[in-house]
């Protein structure tokens, strides 16, 4: 595993844990949040399920 891979993993886990995207971006030293969003974050199954659950909760309250 390369150090660069750890950056991707770190960003993804922080986002999975609910950390604000701007905070993750700053921790990685990015000047533009788009870099973080496009290159360093990955959608995990857990994230997709959470989005689905959130939508269901909002629709069927």
PDB file of N, CA and C in Angstrom:
ATOM      1  N   UNK A   1       0.843  -1.168   0.000  1.00  0.00           N
ATOM      2  CA  UNK A   1       0.000   0.000   0.000  1.00  0.00           C
ATOM      3  C   UNK A   1       0.893   1.238   0.000  1.00  0.00           C
ATOM      4  N   UNK A   2       0.529   2.183  -0.845  1.00  0.00           N
ATOM      5  CA  UNK A   2       1.291   3.434  -0.934  1.00  0.00           C
ATOM      6  C   UNK A   2       0.710   4.472   0.032  1.00  0.00           C
ATOM      7  N   UNK A   3       1.515   5.447   0.391  1.00  0.00           N
ATOM      8  CA  UNK A   3       1.036   6.536   1.253  1.00  0.00           C
ATOM      9  C   UNK A   3      -0.151   7.227   0.593  1.00  0.00           C
ATOM     10  N   UNK A   4      -0.090   7.379  -0.714  1.00  0.00           N
ATOM     11  CA  UNK A   4      -1.184   8.022  -1.441  1.00  0.00           C
ATOM     12  C   UNK A   4      -2.496   7.253  -1.245  1.00  0.00           C
ATOM     13  N   UNK A   5      -2.422   5.933  -1.176  1.00  0.00           N
ATOM     14  CA  UNK A   5      -3.618   5.118  -0.935  1.00  0.00           C
ATOM     15  C   UNK A   5      -4.212   5.415   0.437  1.00  0.00           C
ATOM     16  N   UNK A   6      -3.354   5.698   1.402  1.00  0.00           N
ATOM     17  CA  UNK A   6      -3.837   6.029   2.742  1.00  0.00           C
ATOM     18  C   UNK A   6      -4.617   7.339   2.749  1.00  0.00           C
ATOM     19  N   UNK A   7      -4.242   8.268   1.881  1.00  0.00           N
ATOM     20  CA  UNK A   7      -4.986   9.530   1.771  1.00  0.00           C
ATOM     21  C   UNK A   7      -6.414   9.259   1.297  1.00  0.00           C
ATOM     22  N   UNK A   8      -6.543   8.397   0.295  1.00  0.00           N
ATOM     23  CA  UNK A   8      -7.868   8.043  -0.211  1.00  0.00           C
ATOM     24  C   UNK A   8      -8.688   7.363   0.886  1.00  0.00           C
ATOM     25  N   UNK A   9      -8.066   6.421   1.569  1.00  0.00           N
ATOM     26  CA  UNK A   9      -8.754   5.696   2.637  1.00  0.00           C
ATOM     27  C   UNK A   9      -9.161   6.640   3.753  1.00  0.00           C
ATOM     28  N   UNK A  10      -8.260   7.508   4.147  1.00  0.00           N
ATOM     29  CA  UNK A  10      -8.546   8.471   5.205  1.00  0.00           C
ATOM     30  C   UNK A  10      -9.726   9.363   4.832  1.00  0.00           C
ATOM     31  N   UNK A  11      -9.711   9.908   3.636  1.00  0.00           N
ATOM     32  CA  UNK A  11     -10.801  10.783   3.193  1.00  0.00           C
ATOM     33  C   UNK A  11     -12.125  10.036   3.180  1.00  0.00           C
ATOM     34  N   UNK A  12     -12.130   8.835   2.657  1.00  0.00           N
ATOM     35  CA  UNK A  12     -13.358   8.051   2.573  1.00  0.00           C
ATOM     36  C   UNK A  12     -13.895   7.720   3.959  1.00  0.00           C
ATOM     37  N   UNK A  13     -13.026   7.305   4.871  1.00  0.00           N
ATOM     38  CA  UNK A  13     -13.472   6.959   6.219  1.00  0.00           C
ATOM     39  C   UNK A  13     -13.979   8.178   6.979  1.00  0.00           C
ATOM     40  N   UNK A  14     -13.316   9.317   6.805  1.00  0.00           N
ATOM     41  CA  UNK A  14     -13.792  10.538   7.457  1.00  0.00           C
ATOM     42  C   UNK A  14     -15.187  10.906   6.961  1.00  0.00           C
ATOM     43  N   UNK A  15     -15.397  10.793   5.658  1.00  0.00           N
ATOM     44  CA  UNK A  15     -16.714  11.102   5.097  1.00  0.00           C
ATOM     45  C   UNK A  15     -17.757  10.092   5.561  1.00  0.00           C
ATOM     46  N   UNK A  16     -17.393   8.831   5.620  1.00  0.00           N
ATOM     47  CA  UNK A  16     -18.293   7.791   6.104  1.00  0.00           C
ATOM     48  C   UNK A  16     -18.699   8.067   7.545  1.00  0.00           C
ATOM     49  N   UNK A  17     -17.775   8.606   8.315  1.00  0.00           N
ATOM     50  CA  UNK A  17     -18.042   8.932   9.710  1.00  0.00           C
ATOM     51  C   UNK A  17     -18.813  10.223   9.906  1.00  0.00           C
ATOM     52  N   UNK A  18     -19.133  10.910   8.808  1.00  0.00           N
ATOM     53  CA  UNK A  18     -19.943  12.117   8.907  1.00  0.00           C
ATOM     54  C   UNK A  18     -19.158  13.414   8.963  1.00  0.00           C
ATOM     55  N   UNK A  19     -17.864  13.368   8.746  1.00  0.00           N
ATOM     56  CA  UNK A  19     -17.056  14.586   8.749  1.00  0.00           C
ATOM     57  C   UNK A  19     -17.427  15.448   7.545  1.00  0.00           C
ATOM     58  N   UNK A  20     -17.556  16.725   7.782  1.00  0.00           N
ATOM     59  CA  UNK A  20     -17.890  17.674   6.727  1.00  0.00           C
ATOM     60  C   UNK A  20     -16.833  17.642   5.627  1.00  0.00           C
ATOM     61  N   UNK A  21     -17.289  17.686   4.370  1.00  0.00           N
ATOM     62  CA  UNK A  21     -16.393  17.624   3.211  1.00  0.00           C
ATOM     63  C   UNK A  21     -15.342  18.733   3.258  1.00  0.00           C
ATOM     64  N   UNK A  22     -15.706  19.918   3.700  1.00  0.00           N
ATOM     65  CA  UNK A  22     -14.760  21.037   3.769  1.00  0.00           C
ATOM     66  C   UNK A  22     -13.637  20.737   4.763  1.00  0.00           C
ATOM     67  N   UNK A  23     -13.989  20.117   5.869  1.00  0.00           N
ATOM     68  CA  UNK A  23     -12.986  19.755   6.876  1.00  0.00           C
ATOM     69  C   UNK A  23     -12.019  18.720   6.305  1.00  0.00           C
ATOM     70  N   UNK A  24     -12.554  17.713   5.627  1.00  0.00           N
ATOM     71  CA  UNK A  24     -11.710  16.686   5.006  1.00  0.00           C
ATOM     72  C   UNK A  24     -10.770  17.338   3.999  1.00  0.00           C
ATOM     73  N   UNK A  25     -11.305  18.231   3.193  1.00  0.00           N
ATOM     74  CA  UNK A  25     -10.517  18.920   2.179  1.00  0.00           C
ATOM     75  C   UNK A  25      -9.353  19.687   2.810  1.00  0.00           C
ATOM     76  N   UNK A  26      -9.642  20.409   3.877  1.00  0.00           N
ATOM     77  CA  UNK A  26      -8.593  21.178   4.553  1.00  0.00           C
ATOM     78  C   UNK A  26      -7.555  20.264   5.199  1.00  0.00           C
ATOM     79  N   UNK A  27      -7.996  19.152   5.771  1.00  0.00           N
ATOM     80  CA  UNK A  27      -7.049  18.202   6.385  1.00  0.00           C
ATOM     81  C   UNK A  27      -6.082  17.639   5.357  1.00  0.00           C
ATOM     82  N   UNK A  28      -6.569  17.466   4.123  1.00  0.00           N
ATOM     83  CA  UNK A  28      -5.720  16.954   3.055  1.00  0.00           C
ATOM     84  C   UNK A  28      -4.867  18.051   2.420  1.00  0.00           C
ATOM     85  N   UNK A  29      -5.095  19.306   2.821  1.00  0.00           N
ATOM     86  CA  UNK A  29      -4.302  20.416   2.309  1.00  0.00           C
ATOM     87  C   UNK A  29      -4.734  20.914   0.942  1.00  0.00           C
ATOM     88  N   UNK A  30      -5.972  20.635   0.579  1.00  0.00           N
ATOM     89  CA  UNK A  30      -6.467  21.072  -0.726  1.00  0.00           C
ATOM     90  C   UNK A  30      -6.958  22.512  -0.662  1.00  0.00           C
ATOM     91  N   UNK A  31      -6.694  23.265  -1.715  1.00  0.00           N
ATOM     92  CA  UNK A  31      -7.171  24.643  -1.789  1.00  0.00           C
ATOM     93  C   UNK A  31      -8.558  24.712  -2.407  1.00  0.00           C
ATOM     94  N   UNK A  32      -8.977  23.643  -3.039  1.00  0.00           N
ATOM     95  CA  UNK A  32     -10.285  23.602  -3.694  1.00  0.00           C
ATOM     96  C   UNK A  32     -10.985  22.305  -3.306  1.00  0.00           C
ATOM     97  N   UNK A  33     -12.181  22.419  -2.762  1.00  0.00           N
ATOM     98  CA  UNK A  33     -12.940  21.252  -2.306  1.00  0.00           C
ATOM     99  C   UNK A  33     -13.234  20.275  -3.446  1.00  0.00           C
ATOM    100  N   UNK A  34     -13.244  20.769  -4.683  1.00  0.00           N
ATOM    101  CA  UNK A  34     -13.508  19.889  -5.835  1.00  0.00           C
ATOM    102  C   UNK A  34     -12.450  18.797  -5.967  1.00  0.00           C
ATOM    103  N   UNK A  35     -11.221  19.111  -5.597  1.00  0.00           N
ATOM    104  CA  UNK A  35     -10.151  18.107  -5.656  1.00  0.00           C
ATOM    105  C   UNK A  35     -10.502  16.940  -4.737  1.00  0.00           C
ATOM    106  N   UNK A  36     -10.923  17.270  -3.531  1.00  0.00           N
ATOM    107  CA  UNK A  36     -11.293  16.236  -2.568  1.00  0.00           C
ATOM    108  C   UNK A  36     -12.471  15.423  -3.078  1.00  0.00           C
ATOM    109  N   UNK A  37     -13.469  16.112  -3.569  1.00  0.00           N
ATOM    110  CA  UNK A  37     -14.682  15.435  -4.022  1.00  0.00           C
ATOM    111  C   UNK A  37     -14.415  14.517  -5.210  1.00  0.00           C
ATOM    112  N   UNK A  38     -13.605  14.953  -6.137  1.00  0.00           N
ATOM    113  CA  UNK A  38     -13.400  14.196  -7.369  1.00  0.00           C
ATOM    114  C   UNK A  38     -12.325  13.116  -7.280  1.00  0.00           C
ATOM    115  N   UNK A  39     -11.347  13.299  -6.410  1.00  0.00           N
ATOM    116  CA  UNK A  39     -10.213  12.370  -6.410  1.00  0.00           C
ATOM    117  C   UNK A  39     -10.040  11.556  -5.145  1.00  0.00           C
ATOM    118  N   UNK A  40     -10.497  12.082  -4.029  1.00  0.00           N
ATOM    119  CA  UNK A  40     -10.149  11.444  -2.767  1.00  0.00           C
ATOM    120  C   UNK A  40     -11.312  10.832  -2.011  1.00  0.00           C
ATOM    121  N   UNK A  41     -12.507  10.984  -2.490  1.00  0.00           N
ATOM    122  CA  UNK A  41     -13.631  10.364  -1.793  1.00  0.00           C
ATOM    123  C   UNK A  41     -14.242   9.299  -2.685  1.00  0.00           C
ATOM    124  N   UNK A  42     -14.642   8.224  -2.052  1.00  0.00           N
ATOM    125  CA  UNK A  42     -15.229   7.101  -2.770  1.00  0.00           C
ATOM    126  C   UNK A  42     -16.539   6.737  -2.086  1.00  0.00           C
ATOM    127  N   UNK A  43     -17.536   6.377  -2.864  1.00  0.00           N
ATOM    128  CA  UNK A  43     -18.819   5.979  -2.302  1.00  0.00           C
ATOM    129  C   UNK A  43     -18.732   4.507  -1.903  1.00  0.00           C
ATOM    130  N   UNK A  44     -18.978   4.254  -0.643  1.00  0.00           N
ATOM    131  CA  UNK A  44     -19.001   2.889  -0.136  1.00  0.00           C
ATOM    132  C   UNK A  44     -20.443   2.415  -0.037  1.00  0.00           C
ATOM    133  N   UNK A  45     -20.642   1.107   0.055  1.00  0.00           N
ATOM    134  CA  UNK A  45     -21.998   0.555   0.184  1.00  0.00           C
ATOM    135  C   UNK A  45     -22.727   1.170   1.370  1.00  0.00           C
ATOM    136  N   UNK A  46     -22.003   1.364   2.464  1.00  0.00           N
ATOM    137  CA  UNK A  46     -22.608   1.932   3.667  1.00  0.00           C
ATOM    138  C   UNK A  46     -23.126   3.346   3.405  1.00  0.00           C
ATOM    139  N   UNK A  47     -22.375   4.119   2.633  1.00  0.00           N
ATOM    140  CA  UNK A  47     -22.789   5.487   2.311  1.00  0.00           C
ATOM    141  C   UNK A  47     -24.043   5.481   1.446  1.00  0.00           C
ATOM    142  N   UNK A  48     -24.084   4.579   0.480  1.00  0.00           N
ATOM    143  CA  UNK A  48     -25.238   4.491  -0.408  1.00  0.00           C
ATOM    144  C   UNK A  48     -26.476   4.063   0.371  1.00  0.00           C
ATOM    145  N   UNK A  49     -26.320   3.102   1.275  1.00  0.00           N
ATOM    146  CA  UNK A  49     -27.452   2.650   2.089  1.00  0.00           C
ATOM    147  C   UNK A  49     -27.942   3.771   2.993  1.00  0.00           C
ATOM    148  N   UNK A  50     -27.022   4.505   3.583  1.00  0.00           N
ATOM    149  CA  UNK A  50     -27.407   5.619   4.454  1.00  0.00           C
ATOM    150  C   UNK A  50     -28.195   6.665   3.667  1.00  0.00           C
ATOM    151  N   UNK A  51     -27.763   6.970   2.447  1.00  0.00           N
ATOM    152  CA  UNK A  51     -28.483   7.935   1.611  1.00  0.00           C
ATOM    153  C   UNK A  51     -29.890   7.431   1.320  1.00  0.00           C
ATOM    154  N   UNK A  52     -30.012   6.152   1.020  1.00  0.00           N
ATOM    155  CA  UNK A  52     -31.319   5.554   0.749  1.00  0.00           C
ATOM    156  C   UNK A  52     -32.209   5.605   1.988  1.00  0.00           C
ATOM    157  N   UNK A  53     -31.652   5.269   3.133  1.00  0.00           N
ATOM    158  CA  UNK A  53     -32.410   5.314   4.388  1.00  0.00           C
ATOM    159  C   UNK A  53     -32.854   6.735   4.714  1.00  0.00           C
ATOM    160  N   UNK A  54     -31.969   7.704   4.502  1.00  0.00           N
ATOM    161  CA  UNK A  54     -32.312   9.106   4.762  1.00  0.00           C
ATOM    162  C   UNK A  54     -33.462   9.558   3.875  1.00  0.00           C
ATOM    163  N   UNK A  55     -33.416   9.199   2.610  1.00  0.00           N
ATOM    164  CA  UNK A  55     -34.477   9.575   1.683  1.00  0.00           C
ATOM    165  C   UNK A  55     -35.793   8.932   2.091  1.00  0.00           C
ATOM    166  N   UNK A  56     -35.759   7.664   2.436  1.00  0.00           N
ATOM    167  CA  UNK A  56     -36.977   6.968   2.871  1.00  0.00           C
ATOM    168  C   UNK A  56     -37.567   7.634   4.103  1.00  0.00           C
ATOM    169  N   UNK A  57     -36.704   7.988   5.040  1.00  0.00           N
ATOM    170  CA  UNK A  57     -37.169   8.637   6.267  1.00  0.00           C
ATOM    171  C   UNK A  57     -37.838   9.977   5.963  1.00  0.00           C
ATOM    172  N   UNK A  58     -37.257  10.743   5.060  1.00  0.00           N
ATOM    173  CA  UNK A  58     -37.831  12.042   4.706  1.00  0.00           C
ATOM    174  C   UNK A  58     -39.152  11.899   3.956  1.00  0.00           C
ATOM    175  N   UNK A  59     -39.242  10.905   3.094  1.00  0.00           N
ATOM    176  CA  UNK A  59     -40.450  10.722   2.289  1.00  0.00           C
ATOM    177  C   UNK A  59     -41.611  10.146   3.083  1.00  0.00           C
ATOM    178  N   UNK A  60     -41.321   9.311   4.056  1.00  0.00           N
ATOM    179  CA  UNK A  60     -42.380   8.575   4.741  1.00  0.00           C
ATOM    180  C   UNK A  60     -42.533   8.954   6.202  1.00  0.00           C
ATOM    181  N   UNK A  61     -42.214  10.184   6.535  1.00  0.00           N
ATOM    182  CA  UNK A  61     -42.392  10.686   7.908  1.00  0.00           C
ATOM    183  C   UNK A  61     -43.843  10.856   8.218  1.00  0.00           C
TER     184      UNK A  61
END
